[in-house]
PDB file of N, CA and C in Angstrom:
ATOM      1  N   UNK A   1     -27.097 -48.795  89.856  1.00  0.00           N
ATOM      2  CA  UNK A   1     -26.130 -48.141  90.696  1.00  0.00           C
ATOM      3  C   UNK A   1     -24.778 -48.863  90.669  1.00  0.00           C
ATOM      4  N   UNK A   2     -24.808 -50.215  90.811  1.00  0.00           N
ATOM      5  CA  UNK A   2     -23.562 -50.969  90.794  1.00  0.00           C
ATOM      6  C   UNK A   2     -22.876 -50.853  89.442  1.00  0.00           C
ATOM      7  N   UNK A   3     -23.666 -50.849  88.378  1.00  0.00           N
ATOM      8  CA  UNK A   3     -23.100 -50.729  87.031  1.00  0.00           C
ATOM      9  C   UNK A   3     -22.370 -49.404  86.870  1.00  0.00           C
ATOM     10  N   UNK A   4     -22.940 -48.333  87.394  1.00  0.00           N
ATOM     11  CA  UNK A   4     -22.311 -47.021  87.297  1.00  0.00           C
ATOM     12  C   UNK A   4     -20.996 -46.992  88.062  1.00  0.00           C
ATOM     13  N   UNK A   5     -20.966 -47.609  89.229  1.00  0.00           N
ATOM     14  CA  UNK A   5     -19.726 -47.671  90.008  1.00  0.00           C
ATOM     15  C   UNK A   5     -18.657 -48.470  89.271  1.00  0.00           C
ATOM     16  N   UNK A   6     -19.053 -49.610  88.680  1.00  0.00           N
ATOM     17  CA  UNK A   6     -18.099 -50.430  87.938  1.00  0.00           C
ATOM     18  C   UNK A   6     -17.550 -49.666  86.750  1.00  0.00           C
ATOM     19  N   UNK A   7     -18.427 -48.972  86.015  1.00  0.00           N
ATOM     20  CA  UNK A   7     -17.966 -48.212  84.854  1.00  0.00           C
ATOM     21  C   UNK A   7     -17.038 -47.078  85.260  1.00  0.00           C
ATOM     22  N   UNK A   8     -17.288 -46.472  86.408  1.00  0.00           N
ATOM     23  CA  UNK A   8     -16.383 -45.437  86.914  1.00  0.00           C
ATOM     24  C   UNK A   8     -15.019 -46.003  87.239  1.00  0.00           C
ATOM     25  N   UNK A   9     -14.999 -47.173  87.902  1.00  0.00           N
ATOM     26  CA  UNK A   9     -13.721 -47.827  88.208  1.00  0.00           C
ATOM     27  C   UNK A   9     -12.991 -48.208  86.930  1.00  0.00           C
ATOM     28  N   UNK A  10     -13.755 -48.722  85.955  1.00  0.00           N
ATOM     29  CA  UNK A  10     -13.152 -49.126  84.686  1.00  0.00           C
ATOM     30  C   UNK A  10     -12.535 -47.925  83.967  1.00  0.00           C
ATOM     31  N   UNK A  11     -13.214 -46.810  83.989  1.00  0.00           N
ATOM     32  CA  UNK A  11     -12.708 -45.593  83.351  1.00  0.00           C
ATOM     33  C   UNK A  11     -11.400 -45.136  84.010  1.00  0.00           C
ATOM     34  N   UNK A  12     -11.349 -45.219  85.335  1.00  0.00           N
ATOM     35  CA  UNK A  12     -10.143 -44.847  86.068  1.00  0.00           C
ATOM     36  C   UNK A  12      -8.982 -45.781  85.724  1.00  0.00           C
ATOM     37  N   UNK A  13      -9.266 -47.067  85.643  1.00  0.00           N
ATOM     38  CA  UNK A  13      -8.235 -48.052  85.307  1.00  0.00           C
ATOM     39  C   UNK A  13      -7.708 -47.808  83.898  1.00  0.00           C
ATOM     40  N   UNK A  14      -8.612 -47.562  82.959  1.00  0.00           N
ATOM     41  CA  UNK A  14      -8.224 -47.420  81.549  1.00  0.00           C
ATOM     42  C   UNK A  14      -7.422 -46.147  81.287  1.00  0.00           C
ATOM     43  N   UNK A  15      -7.458 -45.178  82.190  1.00  0.00           N
ATOM     44  CA  UNK A  15      -6.630 -43.978  82.029  1.00  0.00           C
ATOM     45  C   UNK A  15      -5.153 -44.335  82.053  1.00  0.00           C
ATOM     46  N   UNK A  16      -4.825 -45.366  82.831  1.00  0.00           N
ATOM     47  CA  UNK A  16      -3.426 -45.718  83.048  1.00  0.00           C
ATOM     48  C   UNK A  16      -3.003 -47.007  82.361  1.00  0.00           C
ATOM     49  N   UNK A  17      -3.931 -47.692  81.707  1.00  0.00           N
ATOM     50  CA  UNK A  17      -3.659 -49.030  81.191  1.00  0.00           C
ATOM     51  C   UNK A  17      -3.929 -49.076  79.692  1.00  0.00           C
ATOM     52  N   UNK A  18      -2.907 -49.379  78.911  1.00  0.00           N
ATOM     53  CA  UNK A  18      -3.096 -49.551  77.471  1.00  0.00           C
ATOM     54  C   UNK A  18      -2.323 -50.781  77.012  1.00  0.00           C
ATOM     55  N   UNK A  19      -2.822 -51.389  75.956  1.00  0.00           N
ATOM     56  CA  UNK A  19      -2.150 -52.545  75.389  1.00  0.00           C
ATOM     57  C   UNK A  19      -1.328 -52.131  74.192  1.00  0.00           C
ATOM     58  N   UNK A  20      -0.106 -52.597  74.133  1.00  0.00           N
ATOM     59  CA  UNK A  20       0.775 -52.291  73.014  1.00  0.00           C
ATOM     60  C   UNK A  20       0.953 -53.545  72.166  1.00  0.00           C
ATOM     61  N   UNK A  21       1.702 -53.416  71.090  1.00  0.00           N
ATOM     62  CA  UNK A  21       1.962 -54.569  70.237  1.00  0.00           C
ATOM     63  C   UNK A  21       2.787 -55.613  70.987  1.00  0.00           C
ATOM     64  N   UNK A  22       3.759 -55.160  71.792  1.00  0.00           N
ATOM     65  CA  UNK A  22       4.602 -56.088  72.541  1.00  0.00           C
ATOM     66  C   UNK A  22       3.855 -56.691  73.727  1.00  0.00           C
ATOM     67  N   UNK A  23       2.967 -55.891  74.334  1.00  0.00           N
ATOM     68  CA  UNK A  23       2.229 -56.324  75.526  1.00  0.00           C
ATOM     69  C   UNK A  23       0.768 -55.919  75.404  1.00  0.00           C
ATOM     70  N   UNK A  24      -0.045 -56.730  74.718  1.00  0.00           N
ATOM     71  CA  UNK A  24      -1.455 -56.372  74.542  1.00  0.00           C
ATOM     72  C   UNK A  24      -2.244 -56.475  75.845  1.00  0.00           C
ATOM     73  N   UNK A  25      -3.456 -55.947  75.816  1.00  0.00           N
ATOM     74  CA  UNK A  25      -4.320 -55.880  76.998  1.00  0.00           C
ATOM     75  C   UNK A  25      -5.280 -57.069  77.018  1.00  0.00           C
ATOM     76  N   UNK A  26      -5.342 -57.750  78.150  1.00  0.00           N
ATOM     77  CA  UNK A  26      -6.297 -58.839  78.360  1.00  0.00           C
ATOM     78  C   UNK A  26      -7.507 -58.246  79.069  1.00  0.00           C
ATOM     79  N   UNK A  27      -8.579 -58.001  78.320  1.00  0.00           N
ATOM     80  CA  UNK A  27      -9.784 -57.374  78.854  1.00  0.00           C
ATOM     81  C   UNK A  27     -10.792 -58.435  79.256  1.00  0.00           C
ATOM     82  N   UNK A  28     -11.416 -58.246  80.419  1.00  0.00           N
ATOM     83  CA  UNK A  28     -12.369 -59.204  80.961  1.00  0.00           C
ATOM     84  C   UNK A  28     -13.726 -58.525  81.112  1.00  0.00           C
ATOM     85  N   UNK A  29     -14.786 -59.237  80.712  1.00  0.00           N
ATOM     86  CA  UNK A  29     -16.151 -58.791  80.993  1.00  0.00           C
ATOM     87  C   UNK A  29     -16.899 -59.948  81.628  1.00  0.00           C
ATOM     88  N   UNK A  30     -17.587 -59.646  82.717  1.00  0.00           N
ATOM     89  CA  UNK A  30     -18.306 -60.666  83.468  1.00  0.00           C
ATOM     90  C   UNK A  30     -19.776 -60.288  83.513  1.00  0.00           C
ATOM     91  N   UNK A  31     -20.626 -61.142  82.942  1.00  0.00           N
ATOM     92  CA  UNK A  31     -22.065 -60.938  83.073  1.00  0.00           C
ATOM     93  C   UNK A  31     -22.570 -61.840  84.186  1.00  0.00           C
ATOM     94  N   UNK A  32     -23.874 -61.864  84.403  1.00  0.00           N
ATOM     95  CA  UNK A  32     -24.394 -62.678  85.497  1.00  0.00           C
ATOM     96  C   UNK A  32     -24.223 -64.173  85.229  1.00  0.00           C
ATOM     97  N   UNK A  33     -24.242 -64.592  83.965  1.00  0.00           N
ATOM     98  CA  UNK A  33     -24.141 -66.005  83.636  1.00  0.00           C
ATOM     99  C   UNK A  33     -22.805 -66.405  83.006  1.00  0.00           C
ATOM    100  N   UNK A  34     -22.179 -65.518  82.258  1.00  0.00           N
ATOM    101  CA  UNK A  34     -20.995 -65.879  81.489  1.00  0.00           C
ATOM    102  C   UNK A  34     -19.858 -64.900  81.750  1.00  0.00           C
ATOM    103  N   UNK A  35     -18.688 -65.269  81.243  1.00  0.00           N
ATOM    104  CA  UNK A  35     -17.511 -64.409  81.330  1.00  0.00           C
ATOM    105  C   UNK A  35     -16.818 -64.434  79.973  1.00  0.00           C
ATOM    106  N   UNK A  36     -16.350 -63.282  79.545  1.00  0.00           N
ATOM    107  CA  UNK A  36     -15.741 -63.121  78.230  1.00  0.00           C
ATOM    108  C   UNK A  36     -14.363 -62.493  78.405  1.00  0.00           C
ATOM    109  N   UNK A  37     -13.411 -62.888  77.571  1.00  0.00           N
ATOM    110  CA  UNK A  37     -12.075 -62.317  77.631  1.00  0.00           C
ATOM    111  C   UNK A  37     -11.553 -62.137  76.210  1.00  0.00           C
ATOM    112  N   UNK A  38     -10.831 -61.049  76.018  1.00  0.00           N
ATOM    113  CA  UNK A  38     -10.208 -60.826  74.719  1.00  0.00           C
ATOM    114  C   UNK A  38      -8.870 -60.128  74.916  1.00  0.00           C
ATOM    115  N   UNK A  39      -7.948 -60.418  74.012  1.00  0.00           N
ATOM    116  CA  UNK A  39      -6.629 -59.800  74.035  1.00  0.00           C
ATOM    117  C   UNK A  39      -6.609 -58.759  72.927  1.00  0.00           C
ATOM    118  N   UNK A  40      -6.348 -57.502  73.305  1.00  0.00           N
ATOM    119  CA  UNK A  40      -6.507 -56.374  72.402  1.00  0.00           C
ATOM    120  C   UNK A  40      -5.198 -55.610  72.268  1.00  0.00           C
ATOM    121  N   UNK A  41      -4.862 -55.240  71.032  1.00  0.00           N
ATOM    122  CA  UNK A  41      -3.750 -54.333  70.756  1.00  0.00           C
ATOM    123  C   UNK A  41      -4.362 -52.944  70.578  1.00  0.00           C
ATOM    124  N   UNK A  42      -4.181 -52.072  71.561  1.00  0.00           N
ATOM    125  CA  UNK A  42      -4.809 -50.755  71.527  1.00  0.00           C
ATOM    126  C   UNK A  42      -4.161 -49.802  70.535  1.00  0.00           C
ATOM    127  N   UNK A  43      -2.907 -50.042  70.156  1.00  0.00           N
ATOM    128  CA  UNK A  43      -2.259 -49.140  69.200  1.00  0.00           C
ATOM    129  C   UNK A  43      -2.879 -49.262  67.823  1.00  0.00           C
ATOM    130  N   UNK A  44      -3.277 -50.478  67.434  1.00  0.00           N
ATOM    131  CA  UNK A  44      -3.924 -50.675  66.138  1.00  0.00           C
ATOM    132  C   UNK A  44      -5.433 -50.910  66.278  1.00  0.00           C
ATOM    133  N   UNK A  45      -5.946 -50.887  67.508  1.00  0.00           N
ATOM    134  CA  UNK A  45      -7.376 -51.085  67.804  1.00  0.00           C
ATOM    135  C   UNK A  45      -7.903 -52.393  67.217  1.00  0.00           C
ATOM    136  N   UNK A  46      -7.164 -53.469  67.440  1.00  0.00           N
ATOM    137  CA  UNK A  46      -7.564 -54.776  66.923  1.00  0.00           C
ATOM    138  C   UNK A  46      -7.628 -55.800  68.049  1.00  0.00           C
ATOM    139  N   UNK A  47      -8.631 -56.676  67.954  1.00  0.00           N
ATOM    140  CA  UNK A  47      -8.725 -57.799  68.861  1.00  0.00           C
ATOM    141  C   UNK A  47      -7.911 -58.940  68.277  1.00  0.00           C
ATOM    142  N   UNK A  48      -6.923 -59.414  69.031  1.00  0.00           N
ATOM    143  CA  UNK A  48      -6.028 -60.454  68.548  1.00  0.00           C
ATOM    144  C   UNK A  48      -6.575 -61.846  68.854  1.00  0.00           C
ATOM    145  N   UNK A  49      -7.092 -62.032  70.055  1.00  0.00           N
ATOM    146  CA  UNK A  49      -7.638 -63.321  70.489  1.00  0.00           C
ATOM    147  C   UNK A  49      -8.866 -63.039  71.353  1.00  0.00           C
ATOM    148  N   UNK A  50      -9.921 -63.830  71.165  1.00  0.00           N
ATOM    149  CA  UNK A  50     -11.118 -63.687  71.995  1.00  0.00           C
ATOM    150  C   UNK A  50     -11.649 -65.069  72.348  1.00  0.00           C
ATOM    151  N   UNK A  51     -12.264 -65.167  73.529  1.00  0.00           N
ATOM    152  CA  UNK A  51     -12.808 -66.443  73.967  1.00  0.00           C
ATOM    153  C   UNK A  51     -13.892 -66.173  75.005  1.00  0.00           C
ATOM    154  N   UNK A  52     -14.867 -67.080  75.089  1.00  0.00           N
ATOM    155  CA  UNK A  52     -15.908 -66.976  76.117  1.00  0.00           C
ATOM    156  C   UNK A  52     -16.177 -68.359  76.691  1.00  0.00           C
ATOM    157  N   UNK A  53     -16.908 -68.398  77.796  1.00  0.00           N
ATOM    158  CA  UNK A  53     -17.171 -69.666  78.474  1.00  0.00           C
ATOM    159  C   UNK A  53     -18.529 -70.245  78.119  1.00  0.00           C
ATOM    160  N   UNK A  54     -19.155 -69.792  77.071  1.00  0.00           N
ATOM    161  CA  UNK A  54     -20.521 -70.191  76.753  1.00  0.00           C
ATOM    162  C   UNK A  54     -20.633 -71.696  76.512  1.00  0.00           C
ATOM    163  N   UNK A  55     -19.658 -72.304  75.867  1.00  0.00           N
ATOM    164  CA  UNK A  55     -19.736 -73.730  75.543  1.00  0.00           C
ATOM    165  C   UNK A  55     -19.122 -74.623  76.620  1.00  0.00           C
ATOM    166  N   UNK A  56     -18.582 -74.043  77.673  1.00  0.00           N
ATOM    167  CA  UNK A  56     -17.967 -74.816  78.747  1.00  0.00           C
ATOM    168  C   UNK A  56     -19.035 -75.354  79.694  1.00  0.00           C
ATOM    169  N   UNK A  57     -18.686 -76.384  80.452  1.00  0.00           N
ATOM    170  CA  UNK A  57     -19.602 -76.945  81.443  1.00  0.00           C
ATOM    171  C   UNK A  57     -18.955 -76.857  82.822  1.00  0.00           C
ATOM    172  N   UNK A  58     -19.770 -76.947  83.857  1.00  0.00           N
ATOM    173  CA  UNK A  58     -19.286 -76.892  85.229  1.00  0.00           C
ATOM    174  C   UNK A  58     -19.829 -75.663  85.931  1.00  0.00           C
ATOM    175  N   UNK A  59     -19.293 -75.387  87.108  1.00  0.00           N
ATOM    176  CA  UNK A  59     -19.712 -74.205  87.842  1.00  0.00           C
ATOM    177  C   UNK A  59     -19.135 -72.959  87.167  1.00  0.00           C
ATOM    178  N   UNK A  60     -19.597 -71.801  87.578  1.00  0.00           N
ATOM    179  CA  UNK A  60     -19.126 -70.560  86.966  1.00  0.00           C
ATOM    180  C   UNK A  60     -17.625 -70.378  87.163  1.00  0.00           C
ATOM    181  N   UNK A  61     -17.131 -70.706  88.355  1.00  0.00           N
ATOM    182  CA  UNK A  61     -15.696 -70.575  88.625  1.00  0.00           C
ATOM    183  C   UNK A  61     -14.879 -71.552  87.787  1.00  0.00           C
ATOM    184  N   UNK A  62     -15.370 -72.789  87.654  1.00  0.00           N
ATOM    185  CA  UNK A  62     -14.660 -73.784  86.836  1.00  0.00           C
ATOM    186  C   UNK A  62     -14.616 -73.345  85.382  1.00  0.00           C
ATOM    187  N   UNK A  63     -15.720 -72.797  84.897  1.00  0.00           N
ATOM    188  CA  UNK A  63     -15.763 -72.324  83.506  1.00  0.00           C
ATOM    189  C   UNK A  63     -14.800 -71.153  83.304  1.00  0.00           C
ATOM    190  N   UNK A  64     -14.690 -70.271  84.293  1.00  0.00           N
ATOM    191  CA  UNK A  64     -13.767 -69.134  84.191  1.00  0.00           C
ATOM    192  C   UNK A  64     -12.319 -69.625  84.147  1.00  0.00           C
ATOM    193  N   UNK A  65     -11.998 -70.640  84.951  1.00  0.00           N
ATOM    194  CA  UNK A  65     -10.644 -71.201  84.958  1.00  0.00           C
ATOM    195  C   UNK A  65     -10.317 -71.825  83.601  1.00  0.00           C
ATOM    196  N   UNK A  66     -11.271 -72.614  83.056  1.00  0.00           N
ATOM    197  CA  UNK A  66     -11.077 -73.232  81.739  1.00  0.00           C
ATOM    198  C   UNK A  66     -10.920 -72.163  80.663  1.00  0.00           C
ATOM    199  N   UNK A  67     -11.685 -71.091  80.787  1.00  0.00           N
ATOM    200  CA  UNK A  67     -11.590 -69.985  79.838  1.00  0.00           C
ATOM    201  C   UNK A  67     -10.182 -69.405  79.838  1.00  0.00           C
ATOM    202  N   UNK A  68      -9.615 -69.196  81.028  1.00  0.00           N
ATOM    203  CA  UNK A  68      -8.253 -68.671  81.126  1.00  0.00           C
ATOM    204  C   UNK A  68      -7.233 -69.591  80.477  1.00  0.00           C
ATOM    205  N   UNK A  69      -7.358 -70.902  80.725  1.00  0.00           N
ATOM    206  CA  UNK A  69      -6.433 -71.866  80.125  1.00  0.00           C
ATOM    207  C   UNK A  69      -6.559 -71.885  78.605  1.00  0.00           C
ATOM    208  N   UNK A  70      -7.808 -71.919  78.097  1.00  0.00           N
ATOM    209  CA  UNK A  70      -8.029 -71.955  76.649  1.00  0.00           C
ATOM    210  C   UNK A  70      -7.575 -70.667  75.973  1.00  0.00           C
ATOM    211  N   UNK A  71      -7.790 -69.539  76.630  1.00  0.00           N
ATOM    212  CA  UNK A  71      -7.352 -68.258  76.079  1.00  0.00           C
ATOM    213  C   UNK A  71      -5.827 -68.219  75.993  1.00  0.00           C
ATOM    214  N   UNK A  72      -5.152 -68.747  77.008  1.00  0.00           N
ATOM    215  CA  UNK A  72      -3.688 -68.780  77.002  1.00  0.00           C
ATOM    216  C   UNK A  72      -3.171 -69.653  75.862  1.00  0.00           C
ATOM    217  N   UNK A  73      -3.839 -70.770  75.598  1.00  0.00           N
ATOM    218  CA  UNK A  73      -3.426 -71.635  74.486  1.00  0.00           C
ATOM    219  C   UNK A  73      -3.594 -70.933  73.148  1.00  0.00           C
ATOM    220  N   UNK A  74      -4.727 -70.247  72.976  1.00  0.00           N
ATOM    221  CA  UNK A  74      -4.945 -69.504  71.734  1.00  0.00           C
ATOM    222  C   UNK A  74      -3.924 -68.375  71.592  1.00  0.00           C
ATOM    223  N   UNK A  75      -3.569 -67.748  72.712  1.00  0.00           N
ATOM    224  CA  UNK A  75      -2.588 -66.665  72.680  1.00  0.00           C
ATOM    225  C   UNK A  75      -1.207 -67.200  72.302  1.00  0.00           C
ATOM    226  N   UNK A  76      -0.859 -68.395  72.786  1.00  0.00           N
ATOM    227  CA  UNK A  76       0.428 -69.002  72.427  1.00  0.00           C
ATOM    228  C   UNK A  76       0.506 -69.238  70.922  1.00  0.00           C
ATOM    229  N   UNK A  77      -0.600 -69.702  70.342  1.00  0.00           N
ATOM    230  CA  UNK A  77      -0.632 -69.927  68.894  1.00  0.00           C
ATOM    231  C   UNK A  77      -0.463 -68.617  68.129  1.00  0.00           C
ATOM    232  N   UNK A  78      -0.945 -67.513  68.719  1.00  0.00           N
ATOM    233  CA  UNK A  78      -0.799 -66.198  68.094  1.00  0.00           C
ATOM    234  C   UNK A  78       0.519 -65.531  68.498  1.00  0.00           C
ATOM    235  N   UNK A  79       1.395 -66.284  69.196  1.00  0.00           N
ATOM    236  CA  UNK A  79       2.720 -65.826  69.622  1.00  0.00           C
ATOM    237  C   UNK A  79       2.642 -64.654  70.604  1.00  0.00           C
ATOM    238  N   UNK A  80       1.708 -64.738  71.536  1.00  0.00           N
ATOM    239  CA  UNK A  80       1.564 -63.736  72.594  1.00  0.00           C
ATOM    240  C   UNK A  80       1.919 -64.419  73.910  1.00  0.00           C
ATOM    241  N   UNK A  81       2.897 -63.853  74.634  1.00  0.00           N
ATOM    242  CA  UNK A  81       3.314 -64.459  75.898  1.00  0.00           C
ATOM    243  C   UNK A  81       3.064 -63.546  77.091  1.00  0.00           C
ATOM    244  N   UNK A  82       3.157 -62.239  76.922  1.00  0.00           N
ATOM    245  CA  UNK A  82       2.941 -61.316  78.032  1.00  0.00           C
ATOM    246  C   UNK A  82       1.783 -60.380  77.702  1.00  0.00           C
ATOM    247  N   UNK A  83       0.975 -60.093  78.707  1.00  0.00           N
ATOM    248  CA  UNK A  83      -0.184 -59.214  78.535  1.00  0.00           C
ATOM    249  C   UNK A  83      -0.296 -58.273  79.728  1.00  0.00           C
ATOM    250  N   UNK A  84      -1.145 -57.264  79.587  1.00  0.00           N
ATOM    251  CA  UNK A  84      -1.527 -56.373  80.680  1.00  0.00           C
ATOM    252  C   UNK A  84      -2.948 -56.768  81.064  1.00  0.00           C
ATOM    253  N   UNK A  85      -3.199 -57.053  82.327  1.00  0.00           N
ATOM    254  CA  UNK A  85      -4.511 -57.542  82.764  1.00  0.00           C
ATOM    255  C   UNK A  85      -5.432 -56.371  83.062  1.00  0.00           C
ATOM    256  N   UNK A  86      -6.562 -56.316  82.361  1.00  0.00           N
ATOM    257  CA  UNK A  86      -7.583 -55.288  82.562  1.00  0.00           C
ATOM    258  C   UNK A  86      -8.827 -55.977  83.114  1.00  0.00           C
ATOM    259  N   UNK A  87      -9.084 -55.800  84.395  1.00  0.00           N
ATOM    260  CA  UNK A  87     -10.199 -56.490  85.034  1.00  0.00           C
ATOM    261  C   UNK A  87     -11.536 -55.828  84.755  1.00  0.00           C
ATOM    262  N   UNK A  88     -11.560 -54.745  84.039  1.00  0.00           N
ATOM    263  CA  UNK A  88     -12.807 -54.114  83.600  1.00  0.00           C
ATOM    264  C   UNK A  88     -13.614 -53.482  84.710  1.00  0.00           C
ATOM    265  N   UNK A  89     -12.985 -53.090  85.799  1.00  0.00           N
ATOM    266  CA  UNK A  89     -13.703 -52.484  86.908  1.00  0.00           C
ATOM    267  C   UNK A  89     -14.292 -53.496  87.868  1.00  0.00           C
ATOM    268  N   UNK A  90     -14.156 -54.784  87.556  1.00  0.00           N
ATOM    269  CA  UNK A  90     -14.663 -55.822  88.452  1.00  0.00           C
ATOM    270  C   UNK A  90     -13.649 -56.065  89.560  1.00  0.00           C
ATOM    271  N   UNK A  91     -14.125 -56.495  90.710  1.00  0.00           N
ATOM    272  CA  UNK A  91     -13.253 -56.803  91.835  1.00  0.00           C
ATOM    273  C   UNK A  91     -12.463 -58.069  91.505  1.00  0.00           C
ATOM    274  N   UNK A  92     -11.180 -58.087  91.869  1.00  0.00           N
ATOM    275  CA  UNK A  92     -10.313 -59.223  91.557  1.00  0.00           C
ATOM    276  C   UNK A  92     -10.538 -60.333  92.576  1.00  0.00           C
ATOM    277  N   UNK A  93     -11.670 -61.000  92.442  1.00  0.00           N
ATOM    278  CA  UNK A  93     -11.984 -62.170  93.250  1.00  0.00           C
ATOM    279  C   UNK A  93     -13.010 -62.989  92.497  1.00  0.00           C
ATOM    280  N   UNK A  94     -13.207 -64.216  92.918  1.00  0.00           N
ATOM    281  CA  UNK A  94     -14.199 -65.065  92.277  1.00  0.00           C
ATOM    282  C   UNK A  94     -13.819 -65.448  90.869  1.00  0.00           C
ATOM    283  N   UNK A  95     -14.734 -65.216  89.925  1.00  0.00           N
ATOM    284  CA  UNK A  95     -14.517 -65.648  88.542  1.00  0.00           C
ATOM    285  C   UNK A  95     -13.385 -64.910  87.861  1.00  0.00           C
ATOM    286  N   UNK A  96     -13.210 -63.631  88.153  1.00  0.00           N
ATOM    287  CA  UNK A  96     -12.120 -62.864  87.537  1.00  0.00           C
ATOM    288  C   UNK A  96     -10.775 -63.410  87.998  1.00  0.00           C
ATOM    289  N   UNK A  97     -10.677 -63.735  89.279  1.00  0.00           N
ATOM    290  CA  UNK A  97      -9.445 -64.303  89.820  1.00  0.00           C
ATOM    291  C   UNK A  97      -9.165 -65.687  89.230  1.00  0.00           C
ATOM    292  N   UNK A  98     -10.200 -66.502  89.068  1.00  0.00           N
ATOM    293  CA  UNK A  98     -10.033 -67.833  88.478  1.00  0.00           C
ATOM    294  C   UNK A  98      -9.574 -67.731  87.025  1.00  0.00           C
ATOM    295  N   UNK A  99     -10.126 -66.785  86.278  1.00  0.00           N
ATOM    296  CA  UNK A  99      -9.696 -66.581  84.893  1.00  0.00           C
ATOM    297  C   UNK A  99      -8.209 -66.231  84.854  1.00  0.00           C
ATOM    298  N   UNK A 100      -7.787 -65.320  85.727  1.00  0.00           N
ATOM    299  CA  UNK A 100      -6.381 -64.923  85.775  1.00  0.00           C
ATOM    300  C   UNK A 100      -5.490 -66.108  86.152  1.00  0.00           C
ATOM    301  N   UNK A 101      -5.948 -66.907  87.108  1.00  0.00           N
ATOM    302  CA  UNK A 101      -5.188 -68.086  87.540  1.00  0.00           C
ATOM    303  C   UNK A 101      -5.027 -69.073  86.380  1.00  0.00           C
ATOM    304  N   UNK A 102      -6.101 -69.323  85.642  1.00  0.00           N
ATOM    305  CA  UNK A 102      -6.040 -70.224  84.497  1.00  0.00           C
ATOM    306  C   UNK A 102      -5.134 -69.700  83.402  1.00  0.00           C
ATOM    307  N   UNK A 103      -5.190 -68.395  83.162  1.00  0.00           N
ATOM    308  CA  UNK A 103      -4.345 -67.796  82.123  1.00  0.00           C
ATOM    309  C   UNK A 103      -2.868 -67.886  82.503  1.00  0.00           C
ATOM    310  N   UNK A 104      -2.569 -67.663  83.781  1.00  0.00           N
ATOM    311  CA  UNK A 104      -1.178 -67.772  84.243  1.00  0.00           C
ATOM    312  C   UNK A 104      -0.671 -69.205  84.125  1.00  0.00           C
ATOM    313  N   UNK A 105      -1.510 -70.157  84.519  1.00  0.00           N
ATOM    314  CA  UNK A 105      -1.101 -71.556  84.431  1.00  0.00           C
ATOM    315  C   UNK A 105      -1.019 -72.020  82.981  1.00  0.00           C
ATOM    316  N   UNK A 106      -1.761 -71.361  82.093  1.00  0.00           N
ATOM    317  CA  UNK A 106      -1.700 -71.678  80.667  1.00  0.00           C
ATOM    318  C   UNK A 106      -0.471 -71.111  79.991  1.00  0.00           C
ATOM    319  N   UNK A 107       0.249 -70.205  80.663  1.00  0.00           N
ATOM    320  CA  UNK A 107       1.489 -69.692  80.104  1.00  0.00           C
ATOM    321  C   UNK A 107       1.544 -68.198  79.871  1.00  0.00           C
ATOM    322  N   UNK A 108       0.467 -67.466  80.127  1.00  0.00           N
ATOM    323  CA  UNK A 108       0.519 -66.010  79.968  1.00  0.00           C
ATOM    324  C   UNK A 108       1.189 -65.372  81.180  1.00  0.00           C
ATOM    325  N   UNK A 109       1.940 -64.306  80.941  1.00  0.00           N
ATOM    326  CA  UNK A 109       2.619 -63.600  82.035  1.00  0.00           C
ATOM    327  C   UNK A 109       2.016 -62.205  82.150  1.00  0.00           C
ATOM    328  N   UNK A 110       1.625 -61.866  83.377  1.00  0.00           N
ATOM    329  CA  UNK A 110       1.161 -60.504  83.687  1.00  0.00           C
ATOM    330  C   UNK A 110       1.275 -60.239  85.164  1.00  0.00           C
TER     331      UNK A 110
END
């Protein structure tokens, strides 16, 4: 039931949110144990940068924060500075919020 609600929210969000070459989309997926993020150019349907917290240590929130910082560093190397944040239908709190905080502190603007 919760999955269906999340997918409905995600579908509604994606109607209005697309990543362009100048401003790609930062997509977030959160499973029960891990969190994944990728920067996508929707015009060419290519993933530009991807990262996950699988190899990180610490609590789930700490790993999400580190993921945001590391993703921002990889994005800087790929010359990406601004993105559109796609929370994937997840509520903007907890691990999703920590990822966004880490990405902002790492240098991404959204």
